[in-house]
Amino acid sequence: MQRKPDNPMHLDPGRLKQKVTEARGDAGYTICHSTLPYAGSPVPPAVCRGFADRYRTWQL
């Protein structure tokens, strides 16, 4: 399976579109891949800056 080099979360094809659709719907945002709780980050989860720069949702 070929992945894009700008795919830091190593998402399968179509998964990014699905996540954006979900985030623009009920969720209202998506968490930054660098602050995912299971990734061992000492920083609390944060909103993805790339998502916040591109989209406006009811929570942003």
N, C-alpha and C. Protein backbone atom coordinates (compact mmCIF):
# COMPACT_ATOMS: atom_id res chain seq x y z
N MET A 1 0.83 -1.18 0.00
CA MET A 1 0.00 0.00 0.00
C MET A 1 0.88 1.25 0.00
N GLN A 2 0.65 2.15 -0.91
CA GLN A 2 1.42 3.39 -1.05
C GLN A 2 0.81 4.48 -0.18
N ARG A 3 1.64 5.17 0.59
CA ARG A 3 1.17 6.27 1.43
C ARG A 3 1.89 7.54 1.02
N LYS A 4 1.20 8.66 1.20
CA LYS A 4 1.81 9.95 0.89
C LYS A 4 2.89 10.28 1.91
N PRO A 5 3.96 10.97 1.49
CA PRO A 5 5.03 11.32 2.43
C PRO A 5 4.56 12.31 3.49
N ASP A 6 3.51 13.07 3.22
CA ASP A 6 2.99 14.04 4.19
C ASP A 6 1.86 13.44 5.02
N ASN A 7 2.00 12.18 5.36
CA ASN A 7 0.98 11.44 6.08
C ASN A 7 1.56 11.00 7.43
N PRO A 8 1.73 11.95 8.40
CA PRO A 8 2.40 11.63 9.64
C PRO A 8 1.69 10.58 10.50
N MET A 9 0.40 10.40 10.28
CA MET A 9 -0.33 9.39 11.06
C MET A 9 -0.40 8.05 10.33
N HIS A 10 0.17 7.98 9.13
CA HIS A 10 0.17 6.75 8.34
C HIS A 10 -1.26 6.21 8.14
N LEU A 11 -2.15 7.12 7.74
CA LEU A 11 -3.54 6.75 7.51
C LEU A 11 -3.70 5.96 6.23
N ASP A 12 -4.62 5.04 6.24
CA ASP A 12 -4.96 4.29 5.03
C ASP A 12 -5.65 5.21 4.03
N PRO A 13 -5.62 4.89 2.74
CA PRO A 13 -6.30 5.70 1.73
C PRO A 13 -7.78 5.90 2.10
N GLY A 14 -8.23 7.13 2.00
CA GLY A 14 -9.62 7.46 2.29
C GLY A 14 -9.89 7.80 3.75
N ARG A 15 -8.96 7.44 4.64
CA ARG A 15 -9.19 7.68 6.07
C ARG A 15 -9.15 9.16 6.41
N LEU A 16 -8.26 9.94 5.78
CA LEU A 16 -8.20 11.37 6.05
C LEU A 16 -9.52 12.03 5.69
N LYS A 17 -10.06 11.70 4.53
CA LYS A 17 -11.34 12.28 4.12
C LYS A 17 -12.43 11.92 5.13
N GLN A 18 -12.43 10.68 5.59
CA GLN A 18 -13.41 10.25 6.58
C GLN A 18 -13.25 11.04 7.89
N LYS A 19 -12.01 11.22 8.35
CA LYS A 19 -11.77 11.96 9.58
C LYS A 19 -12.21 13.42 9.45
N VAL A 20 -11.93 14.05 8.30
CA VAL A 20 -12.33 15.43 8.09
C VAL A 20 -13.85 15.55 8.07
N THR A 21 -14.52 14.61 7.40
CA THR A 21 -15.98 14.62 7.37
C THR A 21 -16.55 14.50 8.78
N GLU A 22 -16.00 13.59 9.58
CA GLU A 22 -16.46 13.43 10.96
C GLU A 22 -16.20 14.69 11.77
N ALA A 23 -15.02 15.26 11.62
CA ALA A 23 -14.66 16.45 12.39
C ALA A 23 -15.49 17.67 12.00
N ARG A 24 -15.86 17.76 10.74
CA ARG A 24 -16.69 18.87 10.31
C ARG A 24 -18.15 18.67 10.68
N GLY A 25 -18.50 17.48 11.12
CA GLY A 25 -19.85 17.17 11.55
C GLY A 25 -19.98 17.31 13.05
N ASP A 26 -20.40 16.24 13.69
CA ASP A 26 -20.67 16.27 15.12
C ASP A 26 -19.45 16.51 16.00
N ALA A 27 -18.31 15.98 15.62
CA ALA A 27 -17.12 16.09 16.47
C ALA A 27 -16.69 17.56 16.64
N GLY A 28 -16.63 18.31 15.54
CA GLY A 28 -16.28 19.72 15.60
C GLY A 28 -14.79 20.03 15.50
N TYR A 29 -13.94 19.01 15.62
CA TYR A 29 -12.50 19.23 15.54
C TYR A 29 -11.81 17.87 15.46
N THR A 30 -10.51 17.89 15.25
CA THR A 30 -9.71 16.67 15.29
C THR A 30 -8.46 16.96 16.14
N ILE A 31 -7.97 15.95 16.81
CA ILE A 31 -6.81 16.11 17.70
C ILE A 31 -5.52 16.02 16.90
N CYS A 32 -4.57 16.86 17.25
CA CYS A 32 -3.24 16.87 16.63
C CYS A 32 -2.57 15.51 16.83
N HIS A 33 -1.98 14.98 15.76
CA HIS A 33 -1.33 13.67 15.87
C HIS A 33 -0.18 13.68 16.87
N SER A 34 0.42 14.82 17.11
CA SER A 34 1.54 14.91 18.05
C SER A 34 1.10 14.85 19.50
N THR A 35 -0.19 15.07 19.76
CA THR A 35 -0.67 15.09 21.15
C THR A 35 -1.70 14.01 21.44
N LEU A 36 -1.74 12.99 20.59
CA LEU A 36 -2.68 11.90 20.86
C LEU A 36 -2.31 11.23 22.18
N PRO A 37 -3.31 10.96 23.02
CA PRO A 37 -3.03 10.39 24.34
C PRO A 37 -2.24 9.07 24.29
N TYR A 38 -2.51 8.23 23.32
CA TYR A 38 -1.84 6.93 23.26
C TYR A 38 -0.45 7.02 22.61
N ALA A 39 -0.07 8.20 22.15
CA ALA A 39 1.24 8.37 21.51
C ALA A 39 2.34 8.66 22.54
N GLY A 40 1.97 8.72 23.82
CA GLY A 40 2.96 8.94 24.86
C GLY A 40 3.38 10.38 25.03
N SER A 41 2.60 11.31 24.48
CA SER A 41 2.94 12.73 24.59
C SER A 41 2.71 13.24 26.01
N PRO A 42 3.65 14.01 26.55
CA PRO A 42 3.44 14.61 27.87
C PRO A 42 2.50 15.82 27.80
N VAL A 43 2.20 16.27 26.58
CA VAL A 43 1.33 17.42 26.36
C VAL A 43 -0.12 16.95 26.27
N PRO A 44 -1.06 17.65 26.90
CA PRO A 44 -2.47 17.26 26.77
C PRO A 44 -2.92 17.35 25.31
N PRO A 45 -3.93 16.59 24.92
CA PRO A 45 -4.44 16.64 23.55
C PRO A 45 -4.78 18.08 23.13
N ALA A 46 -4.43 18.40 21.90
CA ALA A 46 -4.68 19.74 21.36
C ALA A 46 -5.38 19.61 20.00
N VAL A 47 -6.09 20.66 19.63
CA VAL A 47 -6.74 20.69 18.31
C VAL A 47 -5.66 20.75 17.23
N CYS A 48 -5.86 20.01 16.16
CA CYS A 48 -4.93 20.02 15.03
C CYS A 48 -4.89 21.40 14.38
N ARG A 49 -3.72 21.99 14.32
CA ARG A 49 -3.57 23.32 13.74
C ARG A 49 -3.92 23.32 12.25
N GLY A 50 -3.50 22.29 11.54
CA GLY A 50 -3.81 22.20 10.12
C GLY A 50 -5.30 22.15 9.87
N PHE A 51 -6.03 21.42 10.70
CA PHE A 51 -7.48 21.35 10.57
C PHE A 51 -8.10 22.71 10.88
N ALA A 52 -7.67 23.33 11.99
CA ALA A 52 -8.22 24.62 12.40
C ALA A 52 -7.95 25.71 11.37
N ASP A 53 -6.80 25.64 10.69
CA ASP A 53 -6.48 26.63 9.66
C ASP A 53 -7.33 26.47 8.41
N ARG A 54 -7.78 25.25 8.12
CA ARG A 54 -8.49 24.97 6.88
C ARG A 54 -10.01 24.99 7.00
N TYR A 55 -10.53 24.67 8.19
CA TYR A 55 -11.97 24.47 8.33
C TYR A 55 -12.53 25.28 9.49
N ARG A 56 -13.80 25.63 9.39
CA ARG A 56 -14.53 26.29 10.47
C ARG A 56 -15.65 25.34 10.87
N THR A 57 -15.74 25.08 12.16
CA THR A 57 -16.80 24.20 12.65
C THR A 57 -17.49 24.89 13.81
N TRP A 58 -18.54 24.29 14.29
CA TRP A 58 -19.31 24.89 15.37
C TRP A 58 -18.49 25.03 16.65
N GLN A 59 -17.48 24.19 16.83
CA GLN A 59 -16.66 24.30 18.04
C GLN A 59 -15.44 25.20 17.85
N LEU A 60 -15.08 25.44 16.62
CA LEU A 60 -13.92 26.32 16.38
C LEU A 60 -14.40 27.71 16.10
